[in-house]
Amino acid sequence: FFFKGAMLAKIEFNPAFMPPGYEEITFADPNARNLVEEVSIFVMWLFVWFVILTSLRVQVSCRENIVYGQGNPIKILAVDCGIKNNIIRNLVSRGVELHRVPWDFQLTPEVCNQFDGLFLSNGPGNPEMAHHTITGLKSVLKSGYDKPIFGICMGNQLMGLAAGAKTYKMPFGNRGMNQPVLNLKTNRCYITPQNHGYAIDTETLPSEWEPLFVNRNDGTNEGIMHTTKPYFTAQFHPEARGGPTDTEFLFDDFVGMVQSGNHSVGSLFTNVAPDTRVPVKKVLVLGSGGLSIGQAGEFDYSGNQAIK
């Protein structure tokens, strides 16, 4: 069963203890649902485009206010596939006026060029279900769009799919607050929070794209970058409200690229960590653990005393 990965499950009652009116629960496959559509902002009617001479204005009517940090100097278009509030906070606090649009917003090069940059949010489920987002993003990439694009979590997968790569379902996914991620440009490792079940197959990335981050536990992709355009992504969550916040600087990098006009993602990651590893053949572990759960706390103490 281990090799099948996480499997669907349900709770069934012994007939003798079945509650009154109970009906048997059927299996529901979450991977067959478009979860992005369920969590993205709801649009009451579609968008109206007006092209007058060289200017274009977008009018969007949503159930909620979709502009955050109104009046801030940096205008960013954010595609909401289930965006987290702390992403909005991180961007607005850095001087961004964030225009939040739903996952099926009609992304075009003309629309995106009305903003200073594009942000692709996190979201649940299978990224291939967000076909509207992928199609629109693909047209933006093919147009040679030269403004910064930053994606987080599902935004990483959507960027990969739009670029022409493939994604796959992981056996269990990467979950938790302590996933080690290596920056392939700087050789620096960060502890990151994650919660995803799909990953990019980096072997299918086109030649102008390359991996930027990799998971040190299982070797799966944790972010990609374009070699000549200002596009980069992170599969993990640099904005996690509960931390760790080791990679929150990626928001600074994104906003900094917008402000400076820098088109080189590689130039963001030049502080290469020296390789201080030494060849090790044997390791002696000192410690004496307890024989019961109540004594488990003695393990660290005993090992520490032995080392001293």
C-alpha atoms as a PDB file:
ATOM      1  CA  PHE A   1       0.000   0.000   0.000  1.00  0.00           C
ATOM      2  CA  PHE A   2       2.919   2.346   0.664  1.00  0.00           C
ATOM      3  CA  PHE A   3       3.797   2.590  -3.015  1.00  0.00           C
ATOM      4  CA  LYS A   4       0.254   3.623  -3.893  1.00  0.00           C
ATOM      5  CA  GLY A   5       0.668   6.789  -1.877  1.00  0.00           C
ATOM      6  CA  ALA A   6      -2.163   8.533  -0.072  1.00  0.00           C
ATOM      7  CA  MET A   7      -5.435   6.730  -0.822  1.00  0.00           C
ATOM      8  CA  LEU A   8      -9.065   7.715  -0.484  1.00  0.00           C
ATOM      9  CA  ALA A   9     -10.810   6.516   2.662  1.00  0.00           C
ATOM     10  CA  LYS A  10     -14.179   6.684   4.363  1.00  0.00           C
ATOM     11  CA  ILE A  11     -15.659   5.726   7.721  1.00  0.00           C
ATOM     12  CA  GLU A  12     -18.271   2.975   7.784  1.00  0.00           C
ATOM     13  CA  PHE A  13     -20.483   1.856  10.685  1.00  0.00           C
ATOM     14  CA  ASN A  14     -21.110  -1.615  11.916  1.00  0.00           C
ATOM     15  CA  PRO A  15     -24.771  -2.310  10.974  1.00  0.00           C
ATOM     16  CA  ALA A  16     -25.587  -2.843  14.652  1.00  0.00           C
ATOM     17  CA  PHE A  17     -24.486   0.702  15.481  1.00  0.00           C
ATOM     18  CA  MET A  18     -25.653   2.508  12.364  1.00  0.00           C
ATOM     19  CA  PRO A  19     -27.339   5.877  13.198  1.00  0.00           C
ATOM     20  CA  PRO A  20     -31.000   6.341  12.229  1.00  0.00           C
ATOM     21  CA  GLY A  21     -31.408   7.592   8.674  1.00  0.00           C
ATOM     22  CA  TYR A  22     -27.773   6.896   7.834  1.00  0.00           C
ATOM     23  CA  GLU A  23     -26.999   6.528   4.141  1.00  0.00           C
ATOM     24  CA  GLU A  24     -23.815   4.911   2.908  1.00  0.00           C
ATOM     25  CA  ILE A  25     -21.156   7.446   1.909  1.00  0.00           C
ATOM     26  CA  THR A  26     -19.723   7.066  -1.569  1.00  0.00           C
ATOM     27  CA  PHE A  27     -16.107   7.807  -2.384  1.00  0.00           C
ATOM     28  CA  ALA A  28     -15.466  11.347  -3.629  1.00  0.00           C
ATOM     29  CA  ASP A  29     -12.251  11.969  -5.549  1.00  0.00           C
ATOM     30  CA  PRO A  30     -11.005  15.522  -4.824  1.00  0.00           C
ATOM     31  CA  ASN A  31      -8.623  15.276  -7.784  1.00  0.00           C
ATOM     32  CA  ALA A  32     -11.611  15.093 -10.117  1.00  0.00           C
ATOM     33  CA  ARG A  33     -12.987  18.424  -8.831  1.00  0.00           C
ATOM     34  CA  ASN A  34     -11.882  21.862  -9.927  1.00  0.00           C
ATOM     35  CA  LEU A  35     -10.991  23.038  -6.442  1.00  0.00           C
ATOM     36  CA  VAL A  36      -9.506  26.266  -7.788  1.00  0.00           C
ATOM     37  CA  GLU A  37     -12.907  27.289  -9.119  1.00  0.00           C
ATOM     38  CA  GLU A  38     -14.429  26.597  -5.704  1.00  0.00           C
ATOM     39  CA  VAL A  39     -12.029  28.826  -3.766  1.00  0.00           C
ATOM     40  CA  SER A  40     -11.393  31.669  -6.240  1.00  0.00           C
ATOM     41  CA  ILE A  41     -13.388  34.904  -5.966  1.00  0.00           C
ATOM     42  CA  PHE A  42     -16.871  34.736  -7.484  1.00  0.00           C
ATOM     43  CA  VAL A  43     -17.597  36.908 -10.518  1.00  0.00           C
ATOM     44  CA  MET A  44     -21.158  38.118 -10.980  1.00  0.00           C
ATOM     45  CA  TRP A  45     -20.670  38.966 -14.625  1.00  0.00           C
ATOM     46  CA  LEU A  46     -17.859  38.841 -17.142  1.00  0.00           C
ATOM     47  CA  PHE A  47     -15.346  41.458 -18.052  1.00  0.00           C
ATOM     48  CA  VAL A  48     -15.819  44.265 -20.539  1.00  0.00           C
ATOM     49  CA  TRP A  49     -12.866  45.339 -22.605  1.00  0.00           C
ATOM     50  CA  PHE A  50     -12.620  48.707 -24.278  1.00  0.00           C
ATOM     51  CA  VAL A  51      -9.661  49.509 -26.496  1.00  0.00           C
ATOM     52  CA  ILE A  52      -9.495  53.222 -27.215  1.00  0.00           C
ATOM     53  CA  LEU A  53      -6.457  54.252 -29.203  1.00  0.00           C
ATOM     54  CA  THR A  54      -3.519  52.839 -27.211  1.00  0.00           C
ATOM     55  CA  SER A  55      -5.214  52.571 -23.818  1.00  0.00           C
ATOM     56  CA  LEU A  56      -7.202  49.679 -22.380  1.00  0.00           C
ATOM     57  CA  ARG A  57      -9.383  49.658 -19.280  1.00  0.00           C
ATOM     58  CA  VAL A  58     -10.599  46.582 -17.430  1.00  0.00           C
ATOM     59  CA  GLN A  59     -13.919  46.634 -15.588  1.00  0.00           C
ATOM     60  CA  VAL A  60     -14.558  43.747 -13.248  1.00  0.00           C
ATOM     61  CA  SER A  61     -17.605  43.320 -11.050  1.00  0.00           C
ATOM     62  CA  CYS A  62     -17.080  40.951  -8.138  1.00  0.00           C
ATOM     63  CA  ARG A  63     -18.865  40.140  -4.944  1.00  0.00           C
ATOM     64  CA  GLU A  64     -16.065  41.770  -2.952  1.00  0.00           C
ATOM     65  CA  ASN A  65     -13.601  44.612  -3.215  1.00  0.00           C
ATOM     66  CA  ILE A  66     -10.723  43.252  -5.280  1.00  0.00           C
ATOM     67  CA  VAL A  67      -8.327  46.189  -5.039  1.00  0.00           C
ATOM     68  CA  TYR A  68      -5.982  46.273  -2.054  1.00  0.00           C
ATOM     69  CA  GLY A  69      -3.615  49.079  -1.119  1.00  0.00           C
ATOM     70  CA  GLN A  70      -5.386  51.488  -3.441  1.00  0.00           C
ATOM     71  CA  GLY A  71      -3.135  54.412  -4.280  1.00  0.00           C
ATOM     72  CA  ASN A  72       0.126  52.526  -3.775  1.00  0.00           C
ATOM     73  CA  PRO A  73       2.604  53.209  -6.591  1.00  0.00           C
ATOM     74  CA  ILE A  74       3.213  49.629  -7.824  1.00  0.00           C
ATOM     75  CA  LYS A  75       0.299  48.090  -9.713  1.00  0.00           C
ATOM     76  CA  ILE A  76       0.229  44.280  -9.669  1.00  0.00           C
ATOM     77  CA  LEU A  77      -2.371  41.972 -11.224  1.00  0.00           C
ATOM     78  CA  ALA A  78      -2.946  38.923  -8.999  1.00  0.00           C
ATOM     79  CA  VAL A  79      -4.693  35.823 -10.330  1.00  0.00           C
ATOM     80  CA  ASP A  80      -6.649  34.323  -7.439  1.00  0.00           C
ATOM     81  CA  CYS A  81      -6.592  30.519  -7.414  1.00  0.00           C
ATOM     82  CA  GLY A  82      -7.190  30.509  -3.658  1.00  0.00           C
ATOM     83  CA  ILE A  83      -4.921  33.359  -2.598  1.00  0.00           C
ATOM     84  CA  LYS A  84      -3.940  33.588   1.085  1.00  0.00           C
ATOM     85  CA  ASN A  85      -4.539  36.817   2.964  1.00  0.00           C
ATOM     86  CA  ASN A  86      -0.943  37.015   4.078  1.00  0.00           C
ATOM     87  CA  ILE A  87       0.222  37.137   0.472  1.00  0.00           C
ATOM     88  CA  ILE A  88      -1.945  40.200   0.023  1.00  0.00           C
ATOM     89  CA  ARG A  89      -0.535  41.702   3.234  1.00  0.00           C
ATOM     90  CA  ASN A  90       3.067  41.075   2.157  1.00  0.00           C
ATOM     91  CA  LEU A  91       2.592  42.710  -1.222  1.00  0.00           C
ATOM     92  CA  VAL A  92       0.563  45.696  -0.016  1.00  0.00           C
ATOM     93  CA  SER A  93       3.058  46.395   2.782  1.00  0.00           C
ATOM     94  CA  ARG A  94       5.732  46.709   0.100  1.00  0.00           C
ATOM     95  CA  GLY A  95       3.909  49.444  -1.763  1.00  0.00           C
ATOM     96  CA  VAL A  96       1.757  47.330  -4.078  1.00  0.00           C
ATOM     97  CA  GLU A  97      -1.733  48.207  -5.263  1.00  0.00           C
ATOM     98  CA  LEU A  98      -3.004  44.676  -5.764  1.00  0.00           C
ATOM     99  CA  HIS A  99      -5.757  43.964  -8.300  1.00  0.00           C
ATOM    100  CA  ARG A 100      -7.221  40.569  -7.415  1.00  0.00           C
ATOM    101  CA  VAL A 101      -8.997  38.744 -10.247  1.00  0.00           C
ATOM    102  CA  PRO A 102     -10.511  35.232 -10.385  1.00  0.00           C
ATOM    103  CA  TRP A 103      -8.811  32.160 -11.798  1.00  0.00           C
ATOM    104  CA  ASP A 104     -10.791  32.304 -15.066  1.00  0.00           C
ATOM    105  CA  PHE A 105      -9.960  35.944 -15.713  1.00  0.00           C
ATOM    106  CA  GLN A 106      -9.082  36.420 -19.382  1.00  0.00           C
ATOM    107  CA  LEU A 107      -5.349  36.995 -19.194  1.00  0.00           C
ATOM    108  CA  THR A 108      -3.990  38.682 -22.311  1.00  0.00           C
ATOM    109  CA  PRO A 109      -0.714  40.492 -23.041  1.00  0.00           C
ATOM    110  CA  GLU A 110      -2.676  43.728 -23.506  1.00  0.00           C
ATOM    111  CA  VAL A 111      -4.272  43.477 -20.076  1.00  0.00           C
ATOM    112  CA  CYS A 112      -1.081  42.457 -18.291  1.00  0.00           C
ATOM    113  CA  ASN A 113       0.825  45.356 -19.826  1.00  0.00           C
ATOM    114  CA  GLN A 114      -1.485  47.755 -17.999  1.00  0.00           C
ATOM    115  CA  PHE A 115       0.182  46.622 -14.751  1.00  0.00           C
ATOM    116  CA  ASP A 116       3.735  46.636 -13.450  1.00  0.00           C
ATOM    117  CA  GLY A 117       3.808  42.906 -12.890  1.00  0.00           C
ATOM    118  CA  LEU A 118       1.828  39.691 -12.594  1.00  0.00           C
ATOM    119  CA  PHE A 119       1.338  37.460  -9.551  1.00  0.00           C
ATOM    120  CA  LEU A 120       0.083  33.845  -9.632  1.00  0.00           C
ATOM    121  CA  SER A 121      -1.383  32.665  -6.339  1.00  0.00           C
ATOM    122  CA  ASN A 122      -1.481  29.421  -4.445  1.00  0.00           C
ATOM    123  CA  GLY A 123      -4.476  27.109  -4.710  1.00  0.00           C
ATOM    124  CA  PRO A 124      -5.714  23.554  -4.051  1.00  0.00           C
ATOM    125  CA  GLY A 125      -5.949  20.438  -6.167  1.00  0.00           C
ATOM    126  CA  ASN A 126      -4.796  19.476  -9.627  1.00  0.00           C
ATOM    127  CA  PRO A 127      -3.222  22.458 -11.451  1.00  0.00           C
ATOM    128  CA  GLU A 128      -4.375  21.124 -14.824  1.00  0.00           C
ATOM    129  CA  MET A 129      -7.946  21.898 -13.763  1.00  0.00           C
ATOM    130  CA  ALA A 130      -7.136  25.617 -13.963  1.00  0.00           C
ATOM    131  CA  HIS A 131      -7.215  25.468 -17.743  1.00  0.00           C
ATOM    132  CA  HIS A 132      -8.409  29.064 -18.179  1.00  0.00           C
ATOM    133  CA  THR A 133      -5.449  30.349 -16.207  1.00  0.00           C
ATOM    134  CA  ILE A 134      -2.983  28.165 -18.104  1.00  0.00           C
ATOM    135  CA  THR A 135      -4.338  29.198 -21.502  1.00  0.00           C
ATOM    136  CA  GLY A 136      -4.202  32.895 -20.664  1.00  0.00           C
ATOM    137  CA  LEU A 137      -0.775  32.691 -19.071  1.00  0.00           C
ATOM    138  CA  LYS A 138       0.529  30.788 -22.069  1.00  0.00           C
ATOM    139  CA  SER A 139      -0.504  33.635 -24.370  1.00  0.00           C
ATOM    140  CA  VAL A 140       1.228  36.147 -22.088  1.00  0.00           C
ATOM    141  CA  LEU A 141       4.475  34.157 -22.062  1.00  0.00           C
ATOM    142  CA  LYS A 142       4.443  33.648 -25.825  1.00  0.00           C
ATOM    143  CA  SER A 143       3.996  37.385 -26.379  1.00  0.00           C
ATOM    144  CA  GLY A 144       7.432  38.058 -24.901  1.00  0.00           C
ATOM    145  CA  TYR A 145       5.972  39.846 -21.877  1.00  0.00           C
ATOM    146  CA  ASP A 146       8.927  41.611 -20.242  1.00  0.00           C
ATOM    147  CA  LYS A 147       7.568  42.519 -16.804  1.00  0.00           C
ATOM    148  CA  PRO A 148       8.142  40.469 -13.632  1.00  0.00           C
ATOM    149  CA  ILE A 149       5.979  37.422 -12.918  1.00  0.00           C
ATOM    150  CA  PHE A 150       6.053  35.710  -9.538  1.00  0.00           C
ATOM    151  CA  GLY A 151       4.159  32.548  -8.620  1.00  0.00           C
ATOM    152  CA  ILE A 152       3.683  30.773  -5.294  1.00  0.00           C
ATOM    153  CA  CYS A 153       2.620  27.148  -4.709  1.00  0.00           C
ATOM    154  CA  MET A 154       0.092  26.375  -7.462  1.00  0.00           C
ATOM    155  CA  GLY A 155       1.447  29.478  -9.186  1.00  0.00           C
ATOM    156  CA  ASN A 156       4.658  27.516  -9.653  1.00  0.00           C
ATOM    157  CA  GLN A 157       2.823  24.614 -11.273  1.00  0.00           C
ATOM    158  CA  LEU A 158       0.719  26.896 -13.481  1.00  0.00           C
ATOM    159  CA  MET A 159       3.840  28.657 -14.693  1.00  0.00           C
ATOM    160  CA  GLY A 160       5.430  25.320 -15.534  1.00  0.00           C
ATOM    161  CA  LEU A 161       2.364  24.107 -17.432  1.00  0.00           C
ATOM    162  CA  ALA A 162       2.062  27.381 -19.360  1.00  0.00           C
ATOM    163  CA  ALA A 163       5.753  27.165 -20.247  1.00  0.00           C
ATOM    164  CA  GLY A 164       5.206  23.704 -21.731  1.00  0.00           C
ATOM    165  CA  ALA A 165       6.284  21.412 -18.882  1.00  0.00           C
ATOM    166  CA  LYS A 166       4.254  18.646 -17.268  1.00  0.00           C
ATOM    167  CA  THR A 167       3.111  18.114 -13.682  1.00  0.00           C
ATOM    168  CA  TYR A 168       2.483  14.877 -11.803  1.00  0.00           C
ATOM    169  CA  LYS A 169       0.663  13.668  -8.690  1.00  0.00           C
ATOM    170  CA  MET A 170       3.021  12.956  -5.811  1.00  0.00           C
ATOM    171  CA  PRO A 171       2.492   9.806  -3.707  1.00  0.00           C
ATOM    172  CA  PHE A 172       1.965  11.776  -0.496  1.00  0.00           C
ATOM    173  CA  GLY A 173       2.875  15.373  -1.274  1.00  0.00           C
ATOM    174  CA  ASN A 174       5.030  17.678   0.811  1.00  0.00           C
ATOM    175  CA  ARG A 175       3.337  18.879   3.979  1.00  0.00           C
ATOM    176  CA  GLY A 176       4.389  20.664   7.133  1.00  0.00           C
ATOM    177  CA  MET A 177       6.417  23.588   8.413  1.00  0.00           C
ATOM    178  CA  ASN A 178       9.955  22.216   8.124  1.00  0.00           C
ATOM    179  CA  GLN A 179      10.624  21.265   4.518  1.00  0.00           C
ATOM    180  CA  PRO A 180      14.281  21.954   3.550  1.00  0.00           C
ATOM    181  CA  VAL A 181      14.653  23.689   0.184  1.00  0.00           C
ATOM    182  CA  LEU A 182      17.908  24.367  -1.655  1.00  0.00           C
ATOM    183  CA  ASN A 183      18.415  27.415  -3.885  1.00  0.00           C
ATOM    184  CA  LEU A 184      20.314  25.992  -6.848  1.00  0.00           C
ATOM    185  CA  LYS A 185      21.842  29.389  -7.641  1.00  0.00           C
ATOM    186  CA  THR A 186      23.292  30.172  -4.225  1.00  0.00           C
ATOM    187  CA  ASN A 187      23.628  26.723  -2.633  1.00  0.00           C
ATOM    188  CA  ARG A 188      21.743  28.090   0.376  1.00  0.00           C
ATOM    189  CA  CYS A 189      19.170  25.940   2.144  1.00  0.00           C
ATOM    190  CA  TYR A 190      15.985  27.292   3.716  1.00  0.00           C
ATOM    191  CA  ILE A 191      13.353  25.787   5.992  1.00  0.00           C
ATOM    192  CA  THR A 192       9.948  26.283   4.385  1.00  0.00           C
ATOM    193  CA  PRO A 193       6.253  25.579   5.030  1.00  0.00           C
ATOM    194  CA  GLN A 194       4.487  23.546   2.351  1.00  0.00           C
ATOM    195  CA  ASN A 195       1.204  21.858   1.549  1.00  0.00           C
ATOM    196  CA  HIS A 196       0.973  20.493  -1.980  1.00  0.00           C
ATOM    197  CA  GLY A 197       0.330  17.198  -3.732  1.00  0.00           C
ATOM    198  CA  TYR A 198       1.538  17.983  -7.269  1.00  0.00           C
ATOM    199  CA  ALA A 199       4.963  18.861  -8.647  1.00  0.00           C
ATOM    200  CA  ILE A 200       6.597  19.973 -11.893  1.00  0.00           C
ATOM    201  CA  ASP A 201       8.512  17.368 -13.882  1.00  0.00           C
ATOM    202  CA  THR A 202      11.652  19.420 -14.492  1.00  0.00           C
ATOM    203  CA  GLU A 203      12.789  17.007 -17.214  1.00  0.00           C
ATOM    204  CA  THR A 204       9.997  18.426 -19.383  1.00  0.00           C
ATOM    205  CA  LEU A 205      10.932  22.106 -18.935  1.00  0.00           C
ATOM    206  CA  PRO A 206      11.792  23.914 -22.196  1.00  0.00           C
ATOM    207  CA  SER A 207      15.423  24.943 -22.693  1.00  0.00           C
ATOM    208  CA  GLU A 208      14.824  28.575 -21.676  1.00  0.00           C
ATOM    209  CA  TRP A 209      13.589  27.486 -18.232  1.00  0.00           C
ATOM    210  CA  GLU A 210      15.491  25.897 -15.366  1.00  0.00           C
ATOM    211  CA  PRO A 211      14.855  24.746 -11.783  1.00  0.00           C
ATOM    212  CA  LEU A 212      15.481  27.390  -9.121  1.00  0.00           C
ATOM    213  CA  PHE A 213      14.684  25.487  -5.914  1.00  0.00           C
ATOM    214  CA  VAL A 214      14.735  21.778  -5.055  1.00  0.00           C
ATOM    215  CA  ASN A 215      13.452  19.867  -2.035  1.00  0.00           C
ATOM    216  CA  ARG A 216      16.341  18.347  -0.078  1.00  0.00           C
ATOM    217  CA  ASN A 217      14.184  15.513   1.272  1.00  0.00           C
ATOM    218  CA  ASP A 218      12.805  13.993  -1.911  1.00  0.00           C
ATOM    219  CA  GLY A 219      14.497  15.940  -4.749  1.00  0.00           C
ATOM    220  CA  THR A 220      11.218  17.305  -6.129  1.00  0.00           C
ATOM    221  CA  ASN A 221      10.946  20.721  -7.731  1.00  0.00           C
ATOM    222  CA  GLU A 222      10.323  23.727  -5.484  1.00  0.00           C
ATOM    223  CA  GLY A 223      10.492  26.557  -8.018  1.00  0.00           C
ATOM    224  CA  ILE A 224      11.559  27.492 -11.545  1.00  0.00           C
ATOM    225  CA  MET A 225      12.966  30.532 -13.343  1.00  0.00           C
ATOM    226  CA  HIS A 226      13.294  31.820 -16.892  1.00  0.00           C
ATOM    227  CA  THR A 227      16.859  32.240 -18.070  1.00  0.00           C
ATOM    228  CA  THR A 228      16.311  35.611 -19.794  1.00  0.00           C
ATOM    229  CA  LYS A 229      12.915  36.933 -18.629  1.00  0.00           C
ATOM    230  CA  PRO A 230      11.973  38.229 -15.138  1.00  0.00           C
ATOM    231  CA  TYR A 231       9.859  35.186 -14.263  1.00  0.00           C
ATOM    232  CA  PHE A 232      10.372  33.040 -11.161  1.00  0.00           C
ATOM    233  CA  THR A 233       8.336  30.901  -8.776  1.00  0.00           C
ATOM    234  CA  ALA A 234       8.357  29.175  -5.390  1.00  0.00           C
ATOM    235  CA  GLN A 235       6.455  25.977  -4.649  1.00  0.00           C
ATOM    236  CA  PHE A 236       6.653  26.658  -0.901  1.00  0.00           C
ATOM    237  CA  HIS A 237       5.003  29.473   1.076  1.00  0.00           C
ATOM    238  CA  PRO A 238       7.314  32.412   1.871  1.00  0.00           C
ATOM    239  CA  GLU A 239       4.341  34.274   3.350  1.00  0.00           C
ATOM    240  CA  ALA A 240       3.285  31.649   5.913  1.00  0.00           C
ATOM    241  CA  ARG A 241       1.563  33.434   8.780  1.00  0.00           C
ATOM    242  CA  GLY A 242       2.900  31.027  11.382  1.00  0.00           C
ATOM    243  CA  GLY A 243       6.376  30.914   9.848  1.00  0.00           C
ATOM    244  CA  PRO A 244       9.040  30.029   9.184  1.00  0.00           C
ATOM    245  CA  THR A 245       9.714  33.273   7.330  1.00  0.00           C
ATOM    246  CA  ASP A 246      13.181  32.394   6.009  1.00  0.00           C
ATOM    247  CA  THR A 247      12.131  33.085   2.408  1.00  0.00           C
ATOM    248  CA  GLU A 248       9.953  36.166   2.879  1.00  0.00           C
ATOM    249  CA  PHE A 249      12.687  38.078   1.041  1.00  0.00           C
ATOM    250  CA  LEU A 250      11.266  36.710  -2.223  1.00  0.00           C
ATOM    251  CA  PHE A 251       8.554  39.380  -2.005  1.00  0.00           C
ATOM    252  CA  ASP A 252      11.320  41.982  -1.773  1.00  0.00           C
ATOM    253  CA  ASP A 253      12.977  40.440  -4.820  1.00  0.00           C
ATOM    254  CA  PHE A 254       9.747  40.530  -6.827  1.00  0.00           C
ATOM    255  CA  VAL A 255       8.890  44.124  -5.921  1.00  0.00           C
ATOM    256  CA  GLY A 256      12.532  45.134  -6.379  1.00  0.00           C
ATOM    257  CA  MET A 257      12.528  43.769  -9.928  1.00  0.00           C
ATOM    258  CA  VAL A 258       9.441  45.831 -10.693  1.00  0.00           C
ATOM    259  CA  GLN A 259      10.984  48.997  -9.305  1.00  0.00           C
ATOM    260  CA  SER A 260      14.412  48.599 -10.885  1.00  0.00           C
ATOM    261  CA  GLY A 261      13.385  47.178 -14.233  1.00  0.00           C
ATOM    262  CA  ASN A 262      15.817  44.308 -13.647  1.00  0.00           C
ATOM    263  CA  HIS A 263      15.088  41.456 -16.070  1.00  0.00           C
ATOM    264  CA  SER A 264      17.603  38.947 -14.734  1.00  0.00           C
ATOM    265  CA  VAL A 265      16.353  36.525 -12.114  1.00  0.00           C
ATOM    266  CA  GLY A 266      19.863  35.130 -11.811  1.00  0.00           C
ATOM    267  CA  SER A 267      21.156  38.500 -10.596  1.00  0.00           C
ATOM    268  CA  LEU A 268      18.873  38.206  -7.550  1.00  0.00           C
ATOM    269  CA  PHE A 269      20.764  35.172  -6.298  1.00  0.00           C
ATOM    270  CA  THR A 270      24.483  35.988  -6.436  1.00  0.00           C
ATOM    271  CA  ASN A 271      25.313  35.536  -2.741  1.00  0.00           C
ATOM    272  CA  VAL A 272      26.637  32.008  -3.171  1.00  0.00           C
ATOM    273  CA  ALA A 273      27.237  30.067   0.027  1.00  0.00           C
ATOM    274  CA  PRO A 274      30.685  28.477   0.301  1.00  0.00           C
ATOM    275  CA  ASP A 275      30.763  24.698   0.335  1.00  0.00           C
ATOM    276  CA  THR A 276      32.012  23.952   3.843  1.00  0.00           C
ATOM    277  CA  ARG A 277      31.195  20.279   3.839  1.00  0.00           C
ATOM    278  CA  VAL A 278      33.918  17.868   4.942  1.00  0.00           C
ATOM    279  CA  PRO A 279      34.209  14.227   3.895  1.00  0.00           C
ATOM    280  CA  VAL A 280      32.616  12.071   6.596  1.00  0.00           C
ATOM    281  CA  LYS A 281      32.734   8.283   6.670  1.00  0.00           C
ATOM    282  CA  LYS A 282      31.555   7.459  10.181  1.00  0.00           C
ATOM    283  CA  VAL A 283      29.383   9.204  12.768  1.00  0.00           C
ATOM    284  CA  LEU A 284      29.172   8.275  16.451  1.00  0.00           C
ATOM    285  CA  VAL A 285      25.837   9.145  18.064  1.00  0.00           C
ATOM    286  CA  LEU A 286      25.879   9.408  21.860  1.00  0.00           C
ATOM    287  CA  GLY A 287      22.729   9.250  23.926  1.00  0.00           C
ATOM    288  CA  SER A 288      20.529   7.046  26.078  1.00  0.00           C
ATOM    289  CA  GLY A 289      16.824   7.156  25.495  1.00  0.00           C
ATOM    290  CA  GLY A 290      14.064   6.344  27.915  1.00  0.00           C
ATOM    291  CA  LEU A 291      12.147   3.086  27.796  1.00  0.00           C
ATOM    292  CA  SER A 292       8.764   4.805  27.965  1.00  0.00           C
ATOM    293  CA  ILE A 293       7.180   7.921  26.526  1.00  0.00           C
ATOM    294  CA  GLY A 294       7.451   9.664  29.887  1.00  0.00           C
ATOM    295  CA  GLN A 295      11.228   9.232  29.853  1.00  0.00           C
ATOM    296  CA  ALA A 296      11.769  10.332  26.255  1.00  0.00           C
ATOM    297  CA  GLY A 297      12.865  13.807  27.329  1.00  0.00           C
ATOM    298  CA  GLU A 298      16.002  12.294  28.865  1.00  0.00           C
ATOM    299  CA  PHE A 299      17.404  11.418  25.422  1.00  0.00           C
ATOM    300  CA  ASP A 300      18.520  14.914  24.418  1.00  0.00           C
ATOM    301  CA  TYR A 301      19.791  15.652  27.915  1.00  0.00           C
ATOM    302  CA  SER A 302      21.908  12.491  28.121  1.00  0.00           C
ATOM    303  CA  GLY A 303      23.419  12.990  24.670  1.00  0.00           C
ATOM    304  CA  ASN A 304      24.191  16.616  25.453  1.00  0.00           C
ATOM    305  CA  GLN A 305      25.970  15.727  28.685  1.00  0.00           C
ATOM    306  CA  ALA A 306      28.041  13.048  26.929  1.00  0.00           C
ATOM    307  CA  ILE A 307      29.165  15.528  24.274  1.00  0.00           C
ATOM    308  CA  LYS A 308      30.197  18.050  26.956  1.00  0.00           C
END
